[in-house]
Amino acid sequence: INRISEELIFNKLLLADRTYKAGIDY
């Protein structure tokens, strides 16, 4: 369950207003 933070912290918080997103390892 800890893996859920990776997408949230970068793409929903830190980079939420950017035109790009972080590539998460799936």
PDB file of all heavy atoms in Angstrom:
ATOM      1  N   ILE A   1       0.814  -1.219   0.000  1.00  0.00           N
ATOM      2  CA  ILE A   1       0.000   0.000   0.000  1.00  0.00           C
ATOM      3  C   ILE A   1       0.853   1.277   0.000  1.00  0.00           C
ATOM      4  O   ILE A   1       0.427   2.319  -0.507  1.00  0.00           O
ATOM      5  CB  ILE A   1      -0.972   0.004   1.206  1.00  0.00           C
ATOM      6  CG1 ILE A   1      -1.963   1.171   1.142  1.00  0.00           C
ATOM      7  CG2 ILE A   1      -0.214   0.024   2.510  1.00  0.00           C
ATOM      8  CD1 ILE A   1      -2.910   1.126  -0.006  1.00  0.00           C
ATOM      9  N   ASN A   2       2.066   1.218   0.521  1.00  0.00           N
ATOM     10  CA  ASN A   2       2.920   2.413   0.531  1.00  0.00           C
ATOM     11  C   ASN A   2       3.195   2.943  -0.869  1.00  0.00           C
ATOM     12  O   ASN A   2       3.479   4.137  -1.047  1.00  0.00           O
ATOM     13  CB  ASN A   2       4.247   2.111   1.230  1.00  0.00           C
ATOM     14  CG  ASN A   2       4.093   2.026   2.739  1.00  0.00           C
ATOM     15  OD1 ASN A   2       2.995   2.096   3.273  1.00  0.00           O
ATOM     16  ND2 ASN A   2       5.205   1.884   3.440  1.00  0.00           N
ATOM     17  N   ARG A   3       3.096   2.063  -1.873  1.00  0.00           N
ATOM     18  CA  ARG A   3       3.364   2.491  -3.245  1.00  0.00           C
ATOM     19  C   ARG A   3       2.378   3.565  -3.725  1.00  0.00           C
ATOM     20  O   ARG A   3       2.665   4.292  -4.675  1.00  0.00           O
ATOM     21  CB  ARG A   3       3.286   1.291  -4.200  1.00  0.00           C
ATOM     22  CG  ARG A   3       4.501   0.380  -4.229  1.00  0.00           C
ATOM     23  CD  ARG A   3       5.706   1.045  -4.909  1.00  0.00           C
ATOM     24  NE  ARG A   3       5.411   1.529  -6.243  1.00  0.00           N
ATOM     25  CZ  ARG A   3       5.598   0.820  -7.360  1.00  0.00           C
ATOM     26  NH1 ARG A   3       6.086  -0.406  -7.292  1.00  0.00           N
ATOM     27  NH2 ARG A   3       5.337   1.349  -8.547  1.00  0.00           N
ATOM     28  N   ILE A   4       1.232   3.679  -3.073  1.00  0.00           N
ATOM     29  CA  ILE A   4       0.224   4.635  -3.521  1.00  0.00           C
ATOM     30  C   ILE A   4       0.731   6.069  -3.420  1.00  0.00           C
ATOM     31  O   ILE A   4       0.275   6.967  -4.125  1.00  0.00           O
ATOM     32  CB  ILE A   4      -1.079   4.460  -2.714  1.00  0.00           C
ATOM     33  CG1 ILE A   4      -2.265   5.081  -3.466  1.00  0.00           C
ATOM     34  CG2 ILE A   4      -0.957   5.047  -1.307  1.00  0.00           C
ATOM     35  CD1 ILE A   4      -3.612   4.740  -2.850  1.00  0.00           C
ATOM     36  N   SER A   5       1.708   6.308  -2.564  1.00  0.00           N
ATOM     37  CA  SER A   5       2.193   7.674  -2.348  1.00  0.00           C
ATOM     38  C   SER A   5       2.981   8.211  -3.538  1.00  0.00           C
ATOM     39  O   SER A   5       3.051   9.430  -3.742  1.00  0.00           O
ATOM     40  CB  SER A   5       3.058   7.731  -1.090  1.00  0.00           C
ATOM     41  OG  SER A   5       4.223   6.945  -1.247  1.00  0.00           O
ATOM     42  N   GLU A   6       3.579   7.338  -4.341  1.00  0.00           N
ATOM     43  CA  GLU A   6       4.460   7.790  -5.418  1.00  0.00           C
ATOM     44  C   GLU A   6       3.713   8.636  -6.441  1.00  0.00           C
ATOM     45  O   GLU A   6       4.139   9.738  -6.803  1.00  0.00           O
ATOM     46  CB  GLU A   6       5.133   6.583  -6.075  1.00  0.00           C
ATOM     47  CG  GLU A   6       6.020   5.805  -5.095  1.00  0.00           C
ATOM     48  CD  GLU A   6       6.554   4.518  -5.677  1.00  0.00           C
ATOM     49  OE1 GLU A   6       6.356   4.286  -6.897  1.00  0.00           O
ATOM     50  OE2 GLU A   6       7.169   3.734  -4.923  1.00  0.00           O
ATOM     51  N   GLU A   7       2.610   8.125  -6.916  1.00  0.00           N
ATOM     52  CA  GLU A   7       1.794   8.862  -7.892  1.00  0.00           C
ATOM     53  C   GLU A   7       1.191  10.112  -7.257  1.00  0.00           C
ATOM     54  O   GLU A   7       1.173  11.190  -7.852  1.00  0.00           O
ATOM     55  CB  GLU A   7       0.679   7.958  -8.416  1.00  0.00           C
ATOM     56  CG  GLU A   7      -0.235   8.610  -9.420  1.00  0.00           C
ATOM     57  CD  GLU A   7       0.186   8.369 -10.863  1.00  0.00           C
ATOM     58  OE1 GLU A   7       0.707   7.276 -11.156  1.00  0.00           O
ATOM     59  OE2 GLU A   7      -0.011   9.286 -11.683  1.00  0.00           O
ATOM     60  N   LEU A   8       0.703   9.973  -6.030  1.00  0.00           N
ATOM     61  CA  LEU A   8       0.016  11.089  -5.383  1.00  0.00           C
ATOM     62  C   LEU A   8       0.949  12.259  -5.108  1.00  0.00           C
ATOM     63  O   LEU A   8       0.635  13.407  -5.428  1.00  0.00           O
ATOM     64  CB  LEU A   8      -0.611  10.611  -4.072  1.00  0.00           C
ATOM     65  CG  LEU A   8      -1.889   9.782  -4.195  1.00  0.00           C
ATOM     66  CD1 LEU A   8      -2.225   9.129  -2.864  1.00  0.00           C
ATOM     67  CD2 LEU A   8      -3.041  10.654  -4.647  1.00  0.00           C
ATOM     68  N   ILE A   9       2.090  11.986  -4.506  1.00  0.00           N
ATOM     69  CA  ILE A   9       2.985  13.067  -4.094  1.00  0.00           C
ATOM     70  C   ILE A   9       3.507  13.845  -5.295  1.00  0.00           C
ATOM     71  O   ILE A   9       3.574  15.089  -5.272  1.00  0.00           O
ATOM     72  CB  ILE A   9       4.155  12.500  -3.257  1.00  0.00           C
ATOM     73  CG1 ILE A   9       3.671  12.158  -1.846  1.00  0.00           C
ATOM     74  CG2 ILE A   9       5.312  13.487  -3.190  1.00  0.00           C
ATOM     75  CD1 ILE A   9       3.222  13.365  -1.025  1.00  0.00           C
ATOM     76  N   PHE A  10       3.833  13.147  -6.368  1.00  0.00           N
ATOM     77  CA  PHE A  10       4.376  13.862  -7.525  1.00  0.00           C
ATOM     78  C   PHE A  10       3.291  14.397  -8.442  1.00  0.00           C
ATOM     79  O   PHE A  10       3.197  15.606  -8.677  1.00  0.00           O
ATOM     80  CB  PHE A  10       5.357  12.965  -8.289  1.00  0.00           C
ATOM     81  CG  PHE A  10       6.762  13.089  -7.753  1.00  0.00           C
ATOM     82  CD1 PHE A  10       7.191  12.299  -6.710  1.00  0.00           C
ATOM     83  CD2 PHE A  10       7.639  14.030  -8.276  1.00  0.00           C
ATOM     84  CE1 PHE A  10       8.460  12.437  -6.188  1.00  0.00           C
ATOM     85  CE2 PHE A  10       8.920  14.178  -7.768  1.00  0.00           C
ATOM     86  CZ  PHE A  10       9.329  13.379  -6.711  1.00  0.00           C
ATOM     87  N   ASN A  11       2.444  13.537  -8.959  1.00  0.00           N
ATOM     88  CA  ASN A  11       1.529  13.970 -10.022  1.00  0.00           C
ATOM     89  C   ASN A  11       0.262  14.657  -9.531  1.00  0.00           C
ATOM     90  O   ASN A  11      -0.401  15.354 -10.296  1.00  0.00           O
ATOM     91  CB  ASN A  11       1.190  12.776 -10.912  1.00  0.00           C
ATOM     92  CG  ASN A  11       2.404  12.292 -11.682  1.00  0.00           C
ATOM     93  OD1 ASN A  11       3.314  13.068 -11.967  1.00  0.00           O
ATOM     94  ND2 ASN A  11       2.427  11.004 -12.008  1.00  0.00           N
ATOM     95  N   LYS A  12      -0.074  14.478  -8.265  1.00  0.00           N
ATOM     96  CA  LYS A  12      -1.257  15.138  -7.728  1.00  0.00           C
ATOM     97  C   LYS A  12      -0.915  16.283  -6.782  1.00  0.00           C
ATOM     98  O   LYS A  12      -1.796  17.076  -6.441  1.00  0.00           O
ATOM     99  CB  LYS A  12      -2.144  14.119  -6.988  1.00  0.00           C
ATOM    100  CG  LYS A  12      -2.626  12.959  -7.855  1.00  0.00           C
ATOM    101  CD  LYS A  12      -3.493  13.457  -9.014  1.00  0.00           C
ATOM    102  CE  LYS A  12      -4.001  12.285  -9.853  1.00  0.00           C
ATOM    103  NZ  LYS A  12      -4.875  12.733 -10.954  1.00  0.00           N
ATOM    104  N   LEU A  13       0.346  16.366  -6.367  1.00  0.00           N
ATOM    105  CA  LEU A  13       0.733  17.426  -5.435  1.00  0.00           C
ATOM    106  C   LEU A  13       1.853  18.292  -6.007  1.00  0.00           C
ATOM    107  O   LEU A  13       1.624  19.419  -6.444  1.00  0.00           O
ATOM    108  CB  LEU A  13       1.148  16.818  -4.088  1.00  0.00           C
ATOM    109  CG  LEU A  13       1.563  17.814  -3.004  1.00  0.00           C
ATOM    110  CD1 LEU A  13       0.396  18.705  -2.606  1.00  0.00           C
ATOM    111  CD2 LEU A  13       2.111  17.072  -1.778  1.00  0.00           C
ATOM    112  N   LEU A  14       3.062  17.765  -6.064  1.00  0.00           N
ATOM    113  CA  LEU A  14       4.217  18.580  -6.461  1.00  0.00           C
ATOM    114  C   LEU A  14       4.132  19.063  -7.902  1.00  0.00           C
ATOM    115  O   LEU A  14       4.528  20.192  -8.212  1.00  0.00           O
ATOM    116  CB  LEU A  14       5.506  17.785  -6.235  1.00  0.00           C
ATOM    117  CG  LEU A  14       5.842  17.447  -4.777  1.00  0.00           C
ATOM    118  CD1 LEU A  14       7.120  16.611  -4.711  1.00  0.00           C
ATOM    119  CD2 LEU A  14       5.987  18.709  -3.934  1.00  0.00           C
ATOM    120  N   LEU A  15       3.637  18.219  -8.811  1.00  0.00           N
ATOM    121  CA  LEU A  15       3.601  18.573 -10.237  1.00  0.00           C
ATOM    122  C   LEU A  15       2.178  18.840 -10.731  1.00  0.00           C
ATOM    123  O   LEU A  15       1.939  18.827 -11.944  1.00  0.00           O
ATOM    124  CB  LEU A  15       4.234  17.446 -11.064  1.00  0.00           C
ATOM    125  CG  LEU A  15       5.671  17.062 -10.698  1.00  0.00           C
ATOM    126  CD1 LEU A  15       6.160  15.932 -11.592  1.00  0.00           C
ATOM    127  CD2 LEU A  15       6.603  18.266 -10.796  1.00  0.00           C
ATOM    128  N   ALA A  16       1.275  19.093  -9.821  1.00  0.00           N
ATOM    129  CA  ALA A  16      -0.142  19.223 -10.196  1.00  0.00           C
ATOM    130  C   ALA A  16      -0.388  20.350 -11.195  1.00  0.00           C
ATOM    131  O   ALA A  16      -1.291  20.245 -12.036  1.00  0.00           O
ATOM    132  CB  ALA A  16      -0.982  19.452  -8.939  1.00  0.00           C
ATOM    133  N   ASP A  17       0.414  21.419 -11.151  1.00  0.00           N
ATOM    134  CA  ASP A  17       0.185  22.551 -12.052  1.00  0.00           C
ATOM    135  C   ASP A  17       1.152  22.571 -13.236  1.00  0.00           C
ATOM    136  O   ASP A  17       1.213  23.546 -13.973  1.00  0.00           O
ATOM    137  CB  ASP A  17       0.293  23.863 -11.274  1.00  0.00           C
ATOM    138  CG  ASP A  17       1.664  24.062 -10.646  1.00  0.00           C
ATOM    139  OD1 ASP A  17       2.461  23.092 -10.628  1.00  0.00           O
ATOM    140  OD2 ASP A  17       1.944  25.181 -10.162  1.00  0.00           O
ATOM    141  N   ARG A  18       1.902  21.472 -13.420  1.00  0.00           N
ATOM    142  CA  ARG A  18       2.838  21.400 -14.552  1.00  0.00           C
ATOM    143  C   ARG A  18       2.160  20.781 -15.774  1.00  0.00           C
ATOM    144  O   ARG A  18       1.134  20.113 -15.646  1.00  0.00           O
ATOM    145  CB  ARG A  18       4.064  20.549 -14.189  1.00  0.00           C
ATOM    146  CG  ARG A  18       5.286  21.244 -13.616  1.00  0.00           C
ATOM    147  CD  ARG A  18       5.067  22.129 -12.462  1.00  0.00           C
ATOM    148  NE  ARG A  18       6.345  22.570 -11.890  1.00  0.00           N
ATOM    149  CZ  ARG A  18       6.458  23.123 -10.705  1.00  0.00           C
ATOM    150  NH1 ARG A  18       5.386  23.318  -9.954  1.00  0.00           N
ATOM    151  NH2 ARG A  18       7.651  23.517 -10.258  1.00  0.00           N
ATOM    152  N   THR A  19       2.760  20.994 -16.938  1.00  0.00           N
ATOM    153  CA  THR A  19       2.255  20.380 -18.165  1.00  0.00           C
ATOM    154  C   THR A  19       2.853  18.992 -18.373  1.00  0.00           C
ATOM    155  O   THR A  19       2.520  18.314 -19.336  1.00  0.00           O
ATOM    156  CB  THR A  19       2.581  21.256 -19.381  1.00  0.00           C
ATOM    157  OG1 THR A  19       4.001  21.455 -19.460  1.00  0.00           O
ATOM    158  CG2 THR A  19       1.887  22.604 -19.275  1.00  0.00           C
ATOM    159  N   TYR A  20       3.734  18.602 -17.492  1.00  0.00           N
ATOM    160  CA  TYR A  20       4.328  17.269 -17.554  1.00  0.00           C
ATOM    161  C   TYR A  20       4.056  16.548 -16.240  1.00  0.00           C
ATOM    162  O   TYR A  20       3.602  17.146 -15.257  1.00  0.00           O
ATOM    163  CB  TYR A  20       5.838  17.351 -17.800  1.00  0.00           C
ATOM    164  CG  TYR A  20       6.616  18.051 -16.709  1.00  0.00           C
ATOM    165  CD1 TYR A  20       7.080  17.351 -15.591  1.00  0.00           C
ATOM    166  CD2 TYR A  20       6.890  19.417 -16.773  1.00  0.00           C
ATOM    167  CE1 TYR A  20       7.781  17.982 -14.579  1.00  0.00           C
ATOM    168  CE2 TYR A  20       7.597  20.066 -15.775  1.00  0.00           C
ATOM    169  CZ  TYR A  20       8.043  19.337 -14.672  1.00  0.00           C
ATOM    170  OH  TYR A  20       8.741  19.967 -13.673  1.00  0.00           O
ATOM    171  N   LYS A  21       4.325  15.260 -16.229  1.00  0.00           N
ATOM    172  CA  LYS A  21       4.140  14.485 -15.010  1.00  0.00           C
ATOM    173  C   LYS A  21       5.339  13.563 -14.802  1.00  0.00           C
ATOM    174  O   LYS A  21       6.174  13.377 -15.709  1.00  0.00           O
ATOM    175  CB  LYS A  21       2.855  13.664 -15.080  1.00  0.00           C
ATOM    176  CG  LYS A  21       2.848  12.576 -16.134  1.00  0.00           C
ATOM    177  CD  LYS A  21       1.543  11.776 -16.084  1.00  0.00           C
ATOM    178  CE  LYS A  21       1.573  10.611 -17.076  1.00  0.00           C
ATOM    179  NZ  LYS A  21       0.336   9.792 -16.991  1.00  0.00           N
ATOM    180  N   ALA A  22       5.406  12.980 -13.630  1.00  0.00           N
ATOM    181  CA  ALA A  22       6.485  12.038 -13.314  1.00  0.00           C
ATOM    182  C   ALA A  22       6.139  10.660 -13.854  1.00  0.00           C
ATOM    183  O   ALA A  22       4.984  10.228 -13.801  1.00  0.00           O
ATOM    184  CB  ALA A  22       6.704  11.977 -11.810  1.00  0.00           C
ATOM    185  N   GLY A  23       7.133   9.977 -14.379  1.00  0.00           N
ATOM    186  CA  GLY A  23       6.961   8.602 -14.834  1.00  0.00           C
ATOM    187  C   GLY A  23       7.142   7.639 -13.678  1.00  0.00           C
ATOM    188  O   GLY A  23       8.249   7.481 -13.157  1.00  0.00           O
ATOM    189  N   ILE A  24       6.044   7.006 -13.235  1.00  0.00           N
ATOM    190  CA  ILE A  24       6.069   6.086 -12.101  1.00  0.00           C
ATOM    191  C   ILE A  24       6.380   4.675 -12.612  1.00  0.00           C
ATOM    192  O   ILE A  24       5.918   4.270 -13.684  1.00  0.00           O
ATOM    193  CB  ILE A  24       4.712   6.088 -11.360  1.00  0.00           C
ATOM    194  CG1 ILE A  24       4.305   7.518 -11.000  1.00  0.00           C
ATOM    195  CG2 ILE A  24       4.783   5.223 -10.116  1.00  0.00           C
ATOM    196  CD1 ILE A  24       5.252   8.260 -10.104  1.00  0.00           C
ATOM    197  N   ASP A  25       7.134   3.916 -11.844  1.00  0.00           N
ATOM    198  CA  ASP A  25       7.538   2.571 -12.248  1.00  0.00           C
ATOM    199  C   ASP A  25       6.406   1.569 -11.980  1.00  0.00           C
ATOM    200  O   ASP A  25       6.212   1.118 -10.853  1.00  0.00           O
ATOM    201  CB  ASP A  25       8.798   2.158 -11.483  1.00  0.00           C
ATOM    202  CG  ASP A  25       9.302   0.777 -11.889  1.00  0.00           C
ATOM    203  OD1 ASP A  25       8.806   0.240 -12.910  1.00  0.00           O
ATOM    204  OD2 ASP A  25      10.186   0.244 -11.199  1.00  0.00           O
ATOM    205  N   TYR A  26       5.672   1.232 -13.052  1.00  0.00           N
ATOM    206  CA  TYR A  26       4.631   0.209 -12.958  1.00  0.00           C
ATOM    207  C   TYR A  26       5.034  -1.077 -13.682  1.00  0.00           C
ATOM    208  O   TYR A  26       4.190  -1.932 -13.961  1.00  0.00           O
ATOM    209  CB  TYR A  26       3.312   0.733 -13.540  1.00  0.00           C
ATOM    210  CG  TYR A  26       2.649   1.791 -12.685  1.00  0.00           C
ATOM    211  CD1 TYR A  26       2.370   3.051 -13.201  1.00  0.00           C
ATOM    212  CD2 TYR A  26       2.295   1.528 -11.371  1.00  0.00           C
ATOM    213  CE1 TYR A  26       1.758   4.032 -12.430  1.00  0.00           C
ATOM    214  CE2 TYR A  26       1.681   2.494 -10.574  1.00  0.00           C
ATOM    215  CZ  TYR A  26       1.418   3.745 -11.115  1.00  0.00           C
ATOM    216  OH  TYR A  26       0.816   4.694 -10.334  1.00  0.00           O
TER     217      TYR A  26
END
